PDB file of N, CA and C in Angstrom:
ATOM      1  N   MET A   1     -10.918   9.650  -2.647  1.00  0.00           N
ATOM      2  CA  MET A   1     -10.158   8.596  -2.153  1.00  0.00           C
ATOM      3  C   MET A   1      -8.615   9.031  -2.640  1.00  0.00           C
ATOM      4  N   THR A   2      -7.647   8.488  -1.595  1.00  0.00           N
ATOM      5  CA  THR A   2      -6.184   8.860  -1.780  1.00  0.00           C
ATOM      6  C   THR A   2      -5.397   7.772  -2.931  1.00  0.00           C
ATOM      7  N   LYS A   3      -4.270   8.340  -3.395  1.00  0.00           N
ATOM      8  CA  LYS A   3      -3.676   7.118  -4.178  1.00  0.00           C
ATOM      9  C   LYS A   3      -3.401   6.068  -3.250  1.00  0.00           C
ATOM     10  N   LEU A   4      -3.020   6.174  -2.058  1.00  0.00           N
ATOM     11  CA  LEU A   4      -2.700   4.876  -1.118  1.00  0.00           C
ATOM     12  C   LEU A   4      -3.416   4.234  -0.776  1.00  0.00           C
ATOM     13  N   SER A   5      -4.941   4.951  -0.580  1.00  0.00           N
ATOM     14  CA  SER A   5      -6.183   4.444  -0.527  1.00  0.00           C
ATOM     15  C   SER A   5      -6.620   3.266  -1.545  1.00  0.00           C
ATOM     16  N   LEU A   6      -6.449   4.020  -2.726  1.00  0.00           N
ATOM     17  CA  LEU A   6      -6.622   3.166  -4.052  1.00  0.00           C
ATOM     18  C   LEU A   6      -5.879   1.982  -4.135  1.00  0.00           C
ATOM     19  N   CYS A   7      -4.201   2.159  -3.906  1.00  0.00           N
ATOM     20  CA  CYS A   7      -3.346   0.740  -4.178  1.00  0.00           C
ATOM     21  C   CYS A   7      -3.987  -0.130  -3.049  1.00  0.00           C
ATOM     22  N   ALA A   8      -4.503   0.186  -1.922  1.00  0.00           N
ATOM     23  CA  ALA A   8      -4.803  -0.899  -1.116  1.00  0.00           C
ATOM     24  C   ALA A   8      -6.181  -1.253  -1.681  1.00  0.00           C
ATOM     25  N   VAL A   9      -7.214  -0.712  -2.301  1.00  0.00           N
ATOM     26  CA  VAL A   9      -8.117  -1.483  -2.758  1.00  0.00           C
ATOM     27  C   VAL A   9      -7.631  -2.575  -3.926  1.00  0.00           C
ATOM     28  N   VAL A  10      -6.571  -2.153  -4.612  1.00  0.00           N
ATOM     29  CA  VAL A  10      -6.067  -2.722  -5.843  1.00  0.00           C
ATOM     30  C   VAL A  10      -5.368  -4.024  -5.055  1.00  0.00           C
ATOM     31  N   ILE A  11      -4.519  -3.804  -4.343  1.00  0.00           N
ATOM     32  CA  ILE A  11      -3.579  -4.970  -3.898  1.00  0.00           C
ATOM     33  C   ILE A  11      -5.199  -5.985  -3.076  1.00  0.00           C
ATOM     34  N   ALA A  12      -5.999  -5.695  -2.353  1.00  0.00           N
ATOM     35  CA  ALA A  12      -6.840  -6.518  -1.986  1.00  0.00           C
ATOM     36  C   ALA A  12      -7.709  -7.269  -3.134  1.00  0.00           C
ATOM     37  N   VAL A  13      -7.929  -6.401  -4.294  1.00  0.00           N
ATOM     38  CA  VAL A  13      -8.803  -7.346  -5.413  1.00  0.00           C
ATOM     39  C   VAL A  13      -7.686  -8.203  -6.130  1.00  0.00           C
ATOM     40  N   LEU A  14      -6.557  -7.629  -6.206  1.00  0.00           N
ATOM     41  CA  LEU A  14      -5.622  -8.740  -6.779  1.00  0.00           C
ATOM     42  C   LEU A  14      -5.045  -9.675  -6.167  1.00  0.00           C
ATOM     43  N   LEU A  15      -5.060  -9.587  -4.889  1.00  0.00           N
ATOM     44  CA  LEU A  15      -5.008 -10.737  -3.889  1.00  0.00           C
ATOM     45  C   LEU A  15      -5.938 -11.905  -3.974  1.00  0.00           C
ATOM     46  N   LEU A  16      -7.106 -11.322  -3.872  1.00  0.00           N
ATOM     47  CA  LEU A  16      -8.340 -12.069  -4.029  1.00  0.00           C
ATOM     48  C   LEU A  16      -8.416 -13.176  -5.274  1.00  0.00           C
ATOM     49  N   THR A  17      -7.660 -12.474  -6.347  1.00  0.00           N
ATOM     50  CA  THR A  17      -7.675 -13.231  -7.460  1.00  0.00           C
ATOM     51  C   THR A  17      -6.523 -14.297  -7.461  1.00  0.00           C
ATOM     52  N   GLY A  18      -5.580 -13.945  -6.745  1.00  0.00           N
ATOM     53  CA  GLY A  18      -4.051 -14.750  -7.068  1.00  0.00           C
ATOM     54  C   GLY A  18      -3.966 -16.004  -6.745  1.00  0.00           C
ATOM     55  N   CYS A  19      -2.844 -16.546  -6.831  1.00  0.00           N
ATOM     56  CA  CYS A  19      -2.896 -18.128  -6.222  1.00  0.00           C
ATOM     57  C   CYS A  19      -2.168 -17.802  -4.587  1.00  0.00           C
ATOM     58  N   TRP A  20      -2.528 -19.021  -3.971  1.00  0.00           N
ATOM     59  CA  TRP A  20      -2.296 -18.792  -2.516  1.00  0.00           C
ATOM     60  C   TRP A  20      -1.651 -19.851  -2.292  1.00  0.00           C
ATOM     61  N   GLN A  21      -0.373 -19.958  -1.259  1.00  0.00           N
ATOM     62  CA  GLN A  21       0.619 -20.542  -0.615  1.00  0.00           C
ATOM     63  C   GLN A  21       0.482 -20.118   0.741  1.00  0.00           C
ATOM     64  N   LYS A  22       0.149 -21.287   1.443  1.00  0.00           N
ATOM     65  CA  LYS A  22       0.162 -21.391   2.934  1.00  0.00           C
ATOM     66  C   LYS A  22      -0.744 -19.759   3.336  1.00  0.00           C
ATOM     67  N   ASP A  23      -0.107 -18.967   3.937  1.00  0.00           N
ATOM     68  CA  ASP A  23      -0.804 -17.798   4.199  1.00  0.00           C
ATOM     69  C   ASP A  23      -0.215 -16.445   3.781  1.00  0.00           C
ATOM     70  N   VAL A  24       0.330 -16.648   2.656  1.00  0.00           N
ATOM     71  CA  VAL A  24       0.892 -15.647   1.769  1.00  0.00           C
ATOM     72  C   VAL A  24       0.221 -15.652   0.711  1.00  0.00           C
ATOM     73  N   GLY A  25      -0.520 -14.590   0.210  1.00  0.00           N
ATOM     74  CA  GLY A  25      -0.959 -14.590  -1.169  1.00  0.00           C
ATOM     75  C   GLY A  25      -0.128 -14.127  -2.382  1.00  0.00           C
ATOM     76  N   ARG A  26      -0.182 -14.400  -3.119  1.00  0.00           N
ATOM     77  CA  ARG A  26       0.652 -13.971  -4.476  1.00  0.00           C
ATOM     78  C   ARG A  26      -0.125 -13.791  -5.511  1.00  0.00           C
ATOM     79  N   SER A  27       0.050 -12.704  -6.272  1.00  0.00           N
ATOM     80  CA  SER A  27      -0.599 -12.960  -7.845  1.00  0.00           C
ATOM     81  C   SER A  27       0.102 -12.447  -8.907  1.00  0.00           C
ATOM     82  N   TYR A  28       0.249 -12.660 -10.032  1.00  0.00           N
ATOM     83  CA  TYR A  28       1.492 -12.359 -10.774  1.00  0.00           C
ATOM     84  C   TYR A  28       0.739 -11.561 -12.333  1.00  0.00           C
ATOM     85  N   TYR A  29       1.468 -10.865 -12.862  1.00  0.00           N
ATOM     86  CA  TYR A  29       1.262 -10.566 -14.234  1.00  0.00           C
ATOM     87  C   TYR A  29       1.312 -11.980 -15.521  1.00  0.00           C
ATOM     88  N   PRO A  30       0.481 -11.622 -16.137  1.00  0.00           N
ATOM     89  CA  PRO A  30       0.006 -12.652 -17.562  1.00  0.00           C
ATOM     90  C   PRO A  30       1.573 -13.189 -17.893  1.00  0.00           C
ATOM     91  N   SER A  31       2.495 -12.013 -17.721  1.00  0.00           N
ATOM     92  CA  SER A  31       3.976 -12.648 -18.211  1.00  0.00           C
ATOM     93  C   SER A  31       5.239 -13.461 -17.006  1.00  0.00           C
ATOM     94  N   GLY A  32       4.101 -13.281 -15.859  1.00  0.00           N
ATOM     95  CA  GLY A  32       4.773 -14.541 -14.981  1.00  0.00           C
ATOM     96  C   GLY A  32       5.350 -13.659 -13.685  1.00  0.00           C
ATOM     97  N   GLU A  33       5.608 -12.354 -13.888  1.00  0.00           N
ATOM     98  CA  GLU A  33       6.310 -11.484 -12.909  1.00  0.00           C
ATOM     99  C   GLU A  33       5.182 -11.572 -11.721  1.00  0.00           C
ATOM    100  N   ILE A  34       6.008 -11.546 -10.755  1.00  0.00           N
ATOM    101  CA  ILE A  34       5.098 -11.371  -9.414  1.00  0.00           C
ATOM    102  C   ILE A  34       4.600  -9.611  -9.361  1.00  0.00           C
ATOM    103  N   ARG A  35       3.047  -9.498  -9.061  1.00  0.00           N
ATOM    104  CA  ARG A  35       2.559  -8.573  -9.153  1.00  0.00           C
ATOM    105  C   ARG A  35       1.947  -7.735  -7.298  1.00  0.00           C
ATOM    106  N   THR A  36       1.538  -8.729  -6.802  1.00  0.00           N
ATOM    107  CA  THR A  36       1.611  -8.691  -5.253  1.00  0.00           C
ATOM    108  C   THR A  36       1.710  -9.592  -4.532  1.00  0.00           C
ATOM    109  N   GLU A  37       2.221  -9.463  -3.152  1.00  0.00           N
ATOM    110  CA  GLU A  37       2.576 -10.482  -2.400  1.00  0.00           C
ATOM    111  C   GLU A  37       2.102  -9.892  -1.055  1.00  0.00           C
ATOM    112  N   ALA A  38       1.161 -10.649  -0.426  1.00  0.00           N
ATOM    113  CA  ALA A  38       0.569 -10.325   1.373  1.00  0.00           C
ATOM    114  C   ALA A  38       0.276 -11.522   1.808  1.00  0.00           C
ATOM    115  N   THR A  39       0.385 -11.271   3.632  1.00  0.00           N
ATOM    116  CA  THR A  39      -0.343 -12.184   4.437  1.00  0.00           C
ATOM    117  C   THR A  39      -1.499 -12.196   4.356  1.00  0.00           C
ATOM    118  N   VAL A  40      -2.212 -13.143   4.460  1.00  0.00           N
ATOM    119  CA  VAL A  40      -3.343 -13.377   4.591  1.00  0.00           C
ATOM    120  C   VAL A  40      -3.873 -14.583   5.918  1.00  0.00           C
ATOM    121  N   ARG A  41      -4.826 -14.042   6.810  1.00  0.00           N
ATOM    122  CA  ARG A  41      -5.212 -14.940   7.562  1.00  0.00           C
ATOM    123  C   ARG A  41      -6.462 -14.811   7.932  1.00  0.00           C
ATOM    124  N   ASN A  42      -7.267 -16.160   7.687  1.00  0.00           N
ATOM    125  CA  ASN A  42      -8.928 -16.353   7.748  1.00  0.00           C
ATOM    126  C   ASN A  42      -9.722 -15.313   6.453  1.00  0.00           C
ATOM    127  N   GLY A  43      -8.920 -15.369   5.599  1.00  0.00           N
ATOM    128  CA  GLY A  43      -9.442 -14.624   4.262  1.00  0.00           C
ATOM    129  C   GLY A  43      -9.293 -13.128   4.144  1.00  0.00           C
ATOM    130  N   LEU A  44      -8.614 -12.640   5.162  1.00  0.00           N
ATOM    131  CA  LEU A  44      -8.234 -11.068   5.396  1.00  0.00           C
ATOM    132  C   LEU A  44      -6.505 -10.903   5.023  1.00  0.00           C
ATOM    133  N   LEU A  45      -6.452  -9.748   4.511  1.00  0.00           N
ATOM    134  CA  LEU A  45      -5.437  -9.267   4.641  1.00  0.00           C
ATOM    135  C   LEU A  45      -4.889  -9.072   6.086  1.00  0.00           C
ATOM    136  N   ASP A  46      -3.903  -9.477   6.361  1.00  0.00           N
ATOM    137  CA  ASP A  46      -3.275  -9.290   7.879  1.00  0.00           C
ATOM    138  C   ASP A  46      -1.564  -9.597   8.022  1.00  0.00           C
ATOM    139  N   GLY A  47      -1.058  -8.101   7.777  1.00  0.00           N
ATOM    140  CA  GLY A  47       0.141  -8.264   8.128  1.00  0.00           C
ATOM    141  C   GLY A  47       0.751  -7.519   6.715  1.00  0.00           C
ATOM    142  N   PRO A  48       1.908  -7.794   6.406  1.00  0.00           N
ATOM    143  CA  PRO A  48       2.599  -6.949   5.129  1.00  0.00           C
ATOM    144  C   PRO A  48       2.017  -7.401   3.774  1.00  0.00           C
ATOM    145  N   ALA A  49       2.151  -6.403   2.968  1.00  0.00           N
ATOM    146  CA  ALA A  49       1.336  -6.623   1.623  1.00  0.00           C
ATOM    147  C   ALA A  49       2.338  -5.543   0.637  1.00  0.00           C
ATOM    148  N   THR A  50       2.823  -5.776  -0.387  1.00  0.00           N
ATOM    149  CA  THR A  50       3.548  -5.248  -1.260  1.00  0.00           C
ATOM    150  C   THR A  50       3.010  -5.393  -2.502  1.00  0.00           C
ATOM    151  N   MET A  51       3.078  -4.673  -3.455  1.00  0.00           N
ATOM    152  CA  MET A  51       2.667  -4.336  -4.883  1.00  0.00           C
ATOM    153  C   MET A  51       3.938  -4.049  -5.764  1.00  0.00           C
ATOM    154  N   TYR A  52       3.987  -4.669  -6.666  1.00  0.00           N
ATOM    155  CA  TYR A  52       5.218  -4.669  -7.583  1.00  0.00           C
ATOM    156  C   TYR A  52       5.027  -4.247  -9.039  1.00  0.00           C
ATOM    157  N   TYR A  53       5.467  -3.351  -9.686  1.00  0.00           N
ATOM    158  CA  TYR A  53       5.585  -2.665 -11.205  1.00  0.00           C
ATOM    159  C   TYR A  53       5.952  -4.027 -11.844  1.00  0.00           C
ATOM    160  N   LYS A  54       5.782  -4.198 -12.851  1.00  0.00           N
ATOM    161  CA  LYS A  54       5.990  -5.311 -14.192  1.00  0.00           C
ATOM    162  C   LYS A  54       7.637  -5.632 -13.872  1.00  0.00           C
ATOM    163  N   SER A  55       8.145  -4.428 -14.169  1.00  0.00           N
ATOM    164  CA  SER A  55       9.773  -4.339 -14.081  1.00  0.00           C
ATOM    165  C   SER A  55      10.255  -5.072 -12.981  1.00  0.00           C
ATOM    166  N   GLY A  56       9.619  -5.131 -11.765  1.00  0.00           N
ATOM    167  CA  GLY A  56       9.986  -5.823 -10.684  1.00  0.00           C
ATOM    168  C   GLY A  56      10.139  -4.645  -9.601  1.00  0.00           C
ATOM    169  N   THR A  57      10.100  -3.388  -9.997  1.00  0.00           N
ATOM    170  CA  THR A  57      10.432  -2.473  -8.886  1.00  0.00           C
ATOM    171  C   THR A  57       9.043  -2.311  -8.067  1.00  0.00           C
ATOM    172  N   LYS A  58       9.453  -2.049  -6.833  1.00  0.00           N
ATOM    173  CA  LYS A  58       8.449  -2.042  -5.542  1.00  0.00           C
ATOM    174  C   LYS A  58       7.263  -1.023  -6.103  1.00  0.00           C
ATOM    175  N   MET A  59       6.062  -1.133  -6.136  1.00  0.00           N
ATOM    176  CA  MET A  59       5.194   0.245  -6.269  1.00  0.00           C
ATOM    177  C   MET A  59       4.565   0.444  -4.946  1.00  0.00           C
ATOM    178  N   SER A  60       4.159  -0.586  -4.116  1.00  0.00           N
ATOM    179  CA  SER A  60       3.741   0.066  -2.668  1.00  0.00           C
ATOM    180  C   SER A  60       3.790  -1.199  -1.795  1.00  0.00           C
ATOM    181  N   GLU A  61       4.047  -0.536  -0.536  1.00  0.00           N
ATOM    182  CA  GLU A  61       3.936  -1.524   0.857  1.00  0.00           C
ATOM    183  C   GLU A  61       3.214  -0.848   1.659  1.00  0.00           C
ATOM    184  N   ALA A  62       2.314  -1.916   2.494  1.00  0.00           N
ATOM    185  CA  ALA A  62       1.610  -1.382   3.542  1.00  0.00           C
ATOM    186  C   ALA A  62       1.350  -2.504   4.218  1.00  0.00           C
ATOM    187  N   ASN A  63       0.769  -2.309   5.795  1.00  0.00           N
ATOM    188  CA  ASN A  63       0.581  -3.333   6.781  1.00  0.00           C
ATOM    189  C   ASN A  63      -1.220  -2.995   7.022  1.00  0.00           C
ATOM    190  N   TYR A  64      -1.639  -4.805   6.930  1.00  0.00           N
ATOM    191  CA  TYR A  64      -2.928  -4.702   7.234  1.00  0.00           C
ATOM    192  C   TYR A  64      -2.860  -5.326   8.621  1.00  0.00           C
ATOM    193  N   ARG A  65      -4.092  -4.947   9.321  1.00  0.00           N
ATOM    194  CA  ARG A  65      -4.460  -5.924  10.533  1.00  0.00           C
ATOM    195  C   ARG A  65      -5.867  -6.226  10.365  1.00  0.00           C
ATOM    196  N   ALA A  66      -6.347  -7.610  10.229  1.00  0.00           N
ATOM    197  CA  ALA A  66      -7.929  -7.925  10.157  1.00  0.00           C
ATOM    198  C   ALA A  66      -8.796  -7.261   8.782  1.00  0.00           C
ATOM    199  N   GLY A  67      -7.936  -6.835   7.588  1.00  0.00           N
ATOM    200  CA  GLY A  67      -8.597  -6.490   6.710  1.00  0.00           C
ATOM    201  C   GLY A  67      -8.399  -5.157   6.653  1.00  0.00           C
ATOM    202  N   MET A  68      -7.711  -4.448   7.663  1.00  0.00           N
ATOM    203  CA  MET A  68      -7.735  -2.921   7.185  1.00  0.00           C
ATOM    204  C   MET A  68      -6.293  -2.309   7.361  1.00  0.00           C
ATOM    205  N   LEU A  69      -6.189  -1.407   6.539  1.00  0.00           N
ATOM    206  CA  LEU A  69      -4.477  -0.676   6.531  1.00  0.00           C
ATOM    207  C   LEU A  69      -4.498  -0.379   8.046  1.00  0.00           C
ATOM    208  N   ASP A  70      -3.335  -0.870   8.667  1.00  0.00           N
ATOM    209  CA  ASP A  70      -2.795  -0.283   9.662  1.00  0.00           C
ATOM    210  C   ASP A  70      -1.410  -0.049  10.105  1.00  0.00           C
ATOM    211  N   GLY A  71      -1.123   0.949   9.941  1.00  0.00           N
ATOM    212  CA  GLY A  71       0.608   1.359  10.142  1.00  0.00           C
ATOM    213  C   GLY A  71       0.713   2.188   8.903  1.00  0.00           C
ATOM    214  N   LYS A  72       1.965   2.363   8.682  1.00  0.00           N
ATOM    215  CA  LYS A  72       2.866   2.818   7.734  1.00  0.00           C
ATOM    216  C   LYS A  72       2.445   2.123   6.297  1.00  0.00           C
ATOM    217  N   ALA A  73       1.778   3.104   5.161  1.00  0.00           N
ATOM    218  CA  ALA A  73       1.735   2.965   3.776  1.00  0.00           C
ATOM    219  C   ALA A  73       2.772   3.532   3.050  1.00  0.00           C
ATOM    220  N   VAL A  74       3.353   2.837   2.111  1.00  0.00           N
ATOM    221  CA  VAL A  74       4.349   3.940   1.219  1.00  0.00           C
ATOM    222  C   VAL A  74       3.967   3.461  -0.160  1.00  0.00           C
ATOM    223  N   SER A  75       4.182   4.416  -1.113  1.00  0.00           N
ATOM    224  CA  SER A  75       4.046   4.057  -2.333  1.00  0.00           C
ATOM    225  C   SER A  75       5.352   4.636  -3.228  1.00  0.00           C
ATOM    226  N   TYR A  76       5.387   3.980  -4.323  1.00  0.00           N
ATOM    227  CA  TYR A  76       6.889   4.596  -4.946  1.00  0.00           C
ATOM    228  C   TYR A  76       6.548   4.790  -6.349  1.00  0.00           C
ATOM    229  N   TYR A  77       7.575   5.717  -7.127  1.00  0.00           N
ATOM    230  CA  TYR A  77       7.368   5.564  -8.394  1.00  0.00           C
ATOM    231  C   TYR A  77       8.345   4.322  -9.166  1.00  0.00           C
ATOM    232  N   GLU A  78       8.344   4.225 -10.278  1.00  0.00           N
ATOM    233  CA  GLU A  78       8.678   3.281 -11.069  1.00  0.00           C
ATOM    234  C   GLU A  78      10.338   3.322 -10.731  1.00  0.00           C
ATOM    235  N   SER A  79      10.815   4.630 -10.505  1.00  0.00           N
ATOM    236  CA  SER A  79      12.397   4.619 -10.655  1.00  0.00           C
ATOM    237  C   SER A  79      12.570   4.240  -9.199  1.00  0.00           C
ATOM    238  N   GLY A  80      11.758   3.670  -8.392  1.00  0.00           N
ATOM    239  CA  GLY A  80      12.012   3.524  -6.962  1.00  0.00           C
ATOM    240  C   GLY A  80      12.133   4.545  -5.928  1.00  0.00           C
ATOM    241  N   ALA A  81      12.029   5.867  -6.643  1.00  0.00           N
ATOM    242  CA  ALA A  81      11.899   6.862  -5.620  1.00  0.00           C
ATOM    243  C   ALA A  81      10.618   7.036  -4.691  1.00  0.00           C
ATOM    244  N   LYS A  82      10.488   7.356  -3.554  1.00  0.00           N
ATOM    245  CA  LYS A  82       9.355   7.320  -2.747  1.00  0.00           C
ATOM    246  C   LYS A  82       8.172   8.413  -3.486  1.00  0.00           C
ATOM    247  N   LYS A  83       7.139   7.966  -3.564  1.00  0.00           N
ATOM    248  CA  LYS A  83       5.905   8.800  -3.875  1.00  0.00           C
ATOM    249  C   LYS A  83       5.301   9.562  -3.021  1.00  0.00           C
ATOM    250  N   ALA A  84       4.510   8.642  -1.815  1.00  0.00           N
ATOM    251  CA  ALA A  84       3.798   8.999  -0.963  1.00  0.00           C
ATOM    252  C   ALA A  84       4.131   7.949   0.272  1.00  0.00           C
ATOM    253  N   GLU A  85       3.745   8.971   1.393  1.00  0.00           N
ATOM    254  CA  GLU A  85       3.776   7.913   2.623  1.00  0.00           C
ATOM    255  C   GLU A  85       2.739   8.451   3.883  1.00  0.00           C
ATOM    256  N   ALA A  86       1.959   7.227   4.373  1.00  0.00           N
ATOM    257  CA  ALA A  86       0.988   7.787   5.147  1.00  0.00           C
ATOM    258  C   ALA A  86       1.063   6.763   6.391  1.00  0.00           C
ATOM    259  N   GLU A  87       0.313   7.335   7.372  1.00  0.00           N
ATOM    260  CA  GLU A  87       0.174   6.348   8.395  1.00  0.00           C
ATOM    261  C   GLU A  87      -1.556   5.976   8.479  1.00  0.00           C
ATOM    262  N   TYR A  88      -1.902   4.968   8.750  1.00  0.00           N
ATOM    263  CA  TYR A  88      -3.197   4.808   8.902  1.00  0.00           C
ATOM    264  C   TYR A  88      -3.429   3.774  10.463  1.00  0.00           C
ATOM    265  N   LYS A  89      -4.754   3.893  11.180  1.00  0.00           N
ATOM    266  CA  LYS A  89      -4.830   3.199  12.328  1.00  0.00           C
ATOM    267  C   LYS A  89      -6.583   2.601  12.069  1.00  0.00           C
ATOM    268  N   GLU A  90      -6.256   1.714  12.105  1.00  0.00           N
ATOM    269  CA  GLU A  90      -7.555   0.739  11.769  1.00  0.00           C
ATOM    270  C   GLU A  90      -8.244   1.031  10.741  1.00  0.00           C
ATOM    271  N   GLY A  91      -7.913   1.365   9.395  1.00  0.00           N
ATOM    272  CA  GLY A  91      -8.184   1.732   8.071  1.00  0.00           C
ATOM    273  C   GLY A  91      -8.344   3.148   7.815  1.00  0.00           C
ATOM    274  N   VAL A  92      -8.142   3.845   8.917  1.00  0.00           N
ATOM    275  CA  VAL A  92      -8.270   5.542   8.639  1.00  0.00           C
ATOM    276  C   VAL A  92      -6.936   6.210   8.663  1.00  0.00           C
ATOM    277  N   LEU A  93      -6.868   7.199   7.874  1.00  0.00           N
ATOM    278  CA  LEU A  93      -5.587   7.882   7.850  1.00  0.00           C
ATOM    279  C   LEU A  93      -5.328   8.591   9.447  1.00  0.00           C
ATOM    280  N   HIS A  94      -4.322   8.508   9.877  1.00  0.00           N
ATOM    281  CA  HIS A  94      -4.121   8.733  11.074  1.00  0.00           C
ATOM    282  C   HIS A  94      -2.773   8.837  11.564  1.00  0.00           C
ATOM    283  N   GLY A  95      -2.416  10.284  11.385  1.00  0.00           N
ATOM    284  CA  GLY A  95      -0.786  10.642  11.613  1.00  0.00           C
ATOM    285  C   GLY A  95      -0.138  11.343  10.440  1.00  0.00           C
ATOM    286  N   ILE A  96       1.161  11.189  10.094  1.00  0.00           N
ATOM    287  CA  ILE A  96       1.627  12.166   9.002  1.00  0.00           C
ATOM    288  C   ILE A  96       1.600  11.356   7.600  1.00  0.00           C
ATOM    289  N   SER A  97       1.230  12.321   6.655  1.00  0.00           N
ATOM    290  CA  SER A  97       1.008  12.046   5.247  1.00  0.00           C
ATOM    291  C   SER A  97       1.762  13.136   4.623  1.00  0.00           C
ATOM    292  N   ILE A  98       2.838  12.299   3.869  1.00  0.00           N
ATOM    293  CA  ILE A  98       3.601  13.264   3.082  1.00  0.00           C
ATOM    294  C   ILE A  98       3.642  12.656   1.289  1.00  0.00           C
ATOM    295  N   LYS A  99       3.654  13.641   0.134  1.00  0.00           N
ATOM    296  CA  LYS A  99       4.107  13.351  -0.748  1.00  0.00           C
ATOM    297  C   LYS A  99       5.250  14.338  -1.580  1.00  0.00           C
ATOM    298  N   TRP A 100       5.594  13.487  -2.616  1.00  0.00           N
ATOM    299  CA  TRP A 100       7.121  13.736  -2.991  1.00  0.00           C
ATOM    300  C   TRP A 100       6.973  13.625  -4.564  1.00  0.00           C
ATOM    301  N   SER A 101       7.573  14.858  -5.310  1.00  0.00           N
ATOM    302  CA  SER A 101       7.554  14.791  -6.859  1.00  0.00           C
ATOM    303  C   SER A 101       8.536  13.364  -7.232  1.00  0.00           C
ATOM    304  N   ALA A 102       8.497  13.382  -8.380  1.00  0.00           N
ATOM    305  CA  ALA A 102       9.353  12.238  -9.027  1.00  0.00           C
ATOM    306  C   ALA A 102      11.139  12.559  -8.871  1.00  0.00           C
ATOM    307  N   SER A 103      11.137  13.605  -8.662  1.00  0.00           N
ATOM    308  CA  SER A 103      12.477  14.428  -8.609  1.00  0.00           C
ATOM    309  C   SER A 103      12.877  14.244  -6.985  1.00  0.00           C
ATOM    310  N   GLY A 104      12.270  14.075  -6.259  1.00  0.00           N
ATOM    311  CA  GLY A 104      12.439  13.976  -4.860  1.00  0.00           C
ATOM    312  C   GLY A 104      11.921  15.358  -3.679  1.00  0.00           C
ATOM    313  N   GLN A 105      11.456  16.186  -4.730  1.00  0.00           N
ATOM    314  CA  GLN A 105      10.821  17.318  -3.856  1.00  0.00           C
ATOM    315  C   GLN A 105       9.634  16.860  -3.265  1.00  0.00           C
ATOM    316  N   GLN A 106       9.613  17.150  -1.776  1.00  0.00           N
ATOM    317  CA  GLN A 106       8.281  17.311  -0.923  1.00  0.00           C
ATOM    318  C   GLN A 106       7.194  18.543  -1.386  1.00  0.00           C
ATOM    319  N   GLN A 107       6.332  17.747  -2.055  1.00  0.00           N
ATOM    320  CA  GLN A 107       5.300  18.316  -2.500  1.00  0.00           C
ATOM    321  C   GLN A 107       4.238  18.705  -1.477  1.00  0.00           C
ATOM    322  N   GLY A 108       4.051  18.107  -0.253  1.00  0.00           N
ATOM    323  CA  GLY A 108       2.857  18.225   0.705  1.00  0.00           C
ATOM    324  C   GLY A 108       3.300  17.285   1.859  1.00  0.00           C
ATOM    325  N   ARG A 109       2.685  17.996   2.701  1.00  0.00           N
ATOM    326  CA  ARG A 109       2.509  17.347   4.102  1.00  0.00           C
ATOM    327  C   ARG A 109       1.523  17.720   4.916  1.00  0.00           C
ATOM    328  N   THR A 110       0.612  16.512   5.308  1.00  0.00           N
ATOM    329  CA  THR A 110      -0.528  16.466   6.257  1.00  0.00           C
ATOM    330  C   THR A 110      -0.750  15.847   7.194  1.00  0.00           C
ATOM    331  N   ILE A 111      -0.957  16.539   8.397  1.00  0.00           N
ATOM    332  CA  ILE A 111      -1.136  15.615   9.596  1.00  0.00           C
ATOM    333  C   ILE A 111      -2.792  15.406   9.801  1.00  0.00           C
ATOM    334  N   PHE A 112      -3.145  13.873   9.917  1.00  0.00           N
ATOM    335  CA  PHE A 112      -4.342  13.495  10.138  1.00  0.00           C
ATOM    336  C   PHE A 112      -4.807  13.035  11.381  1.00  0.00           C
ATOM    337  N   VAL A 113      -5.882  13.152  11.942  1.00  0.00           N
ATOM    338  CA  VAL A 113      -6.534  12.564  13.104  1.00  0.00           C
ATOM    339  C   VAL A 113      -7.490  11.804  12.939  1.00  0.00           C
ATOM    340  N   ASN A 114      -7.418  10.571  13.229  1.00  0.00           N
ATOM    341  CA  ASN A 114      -9.027   9.970  12.822  1.00  0.00           C
ATOM    342  C   ASN A 114      -9.501  10.011  11.590  1.00  0.00           C
ATOM    343  N   GLY A 115      -8.563  10.419  10.299  1.00  0.00           N
ATOM    344  CA  GLY A 115      -9.214  10.587   9.157  1.00  0.00           C
ATOM    345  C   GLY A 115      -9.368  12.251   8.601  1.00  0.00           C
ATOM    346  N   ILE A 116      -9.388  13.184   9.268  1.00  0.00           N
ATOM    347  CA  ILE A 116      -9.570  14.402   9.521  1.00  0.00           C
ATOM    348  C   ILE A 116      -8.306  15.078   9.381  1.00  0.00           C
ATOM    349  N   SER A 117      -8.063  15.888   8.420  1.00  0.00           N
ATOM    350  CA  SER A 117      -6.952  16.691   8.105  1.00  0.00           C
ATOM    351  C   SER A 117      -6.837  17.763   9.270  1.00  0.00           C
ATOM    352  N   GLU A 118      -5.697  17.834   9.929  1.00  0.00           N
ATOM    353  CA  GLU A 118      -5.120  19.014  11.193  1.00  0.00           C
ATOM    354  C   GLU A 118      -4.996  20.319   9.933  1.00  0.00           C
ATOM    355  N   PRO A 119      -5.120  21.351  10.476  1.00  0.00           N
ATOM    356  CA  PRO A 119      -4.790  23.111   9.923  1.00  0.00           C
ATOM    357  C   PRO A 119      -2.984  22.537   9.946  1.00  0.00           C
ATOM    358  N   ASN A 120      -2.415  23.241   8.942  1.00  0.00           N
ATOM    359  CA  ASN A 120      -1.038  23.412   9.044  1.00  0.00           C
ATOM    360  C   ASN A 120      -0.759  24.924   9.770  1.00  0.00           C
TER     361      ASN A 120
END
């Protein structure tokens, strides 16, 4: 399971235990800072979802459609620098996936087609 997939699972679990306001689900750290915020329709993630570090810095952002990752998913270091970015289609990696070091150096780039990595 990739770190982005793990973040997606964490977001889903946190949202299911969070407080709900209309069709935007939110969960909070015990100290009151926002932990997650996502659009929920018919009990499923459906639209943008964002997860935050306790400091308030964005940890990850992704888009969902009917409960599945669909579109770009991005994770960040607590410094705010990009950690990883990947494209999903109906819950499966599909497109370019890139990883960066904390100092901003690109560490890897992979192209996925329907969840299978293509040779470089």
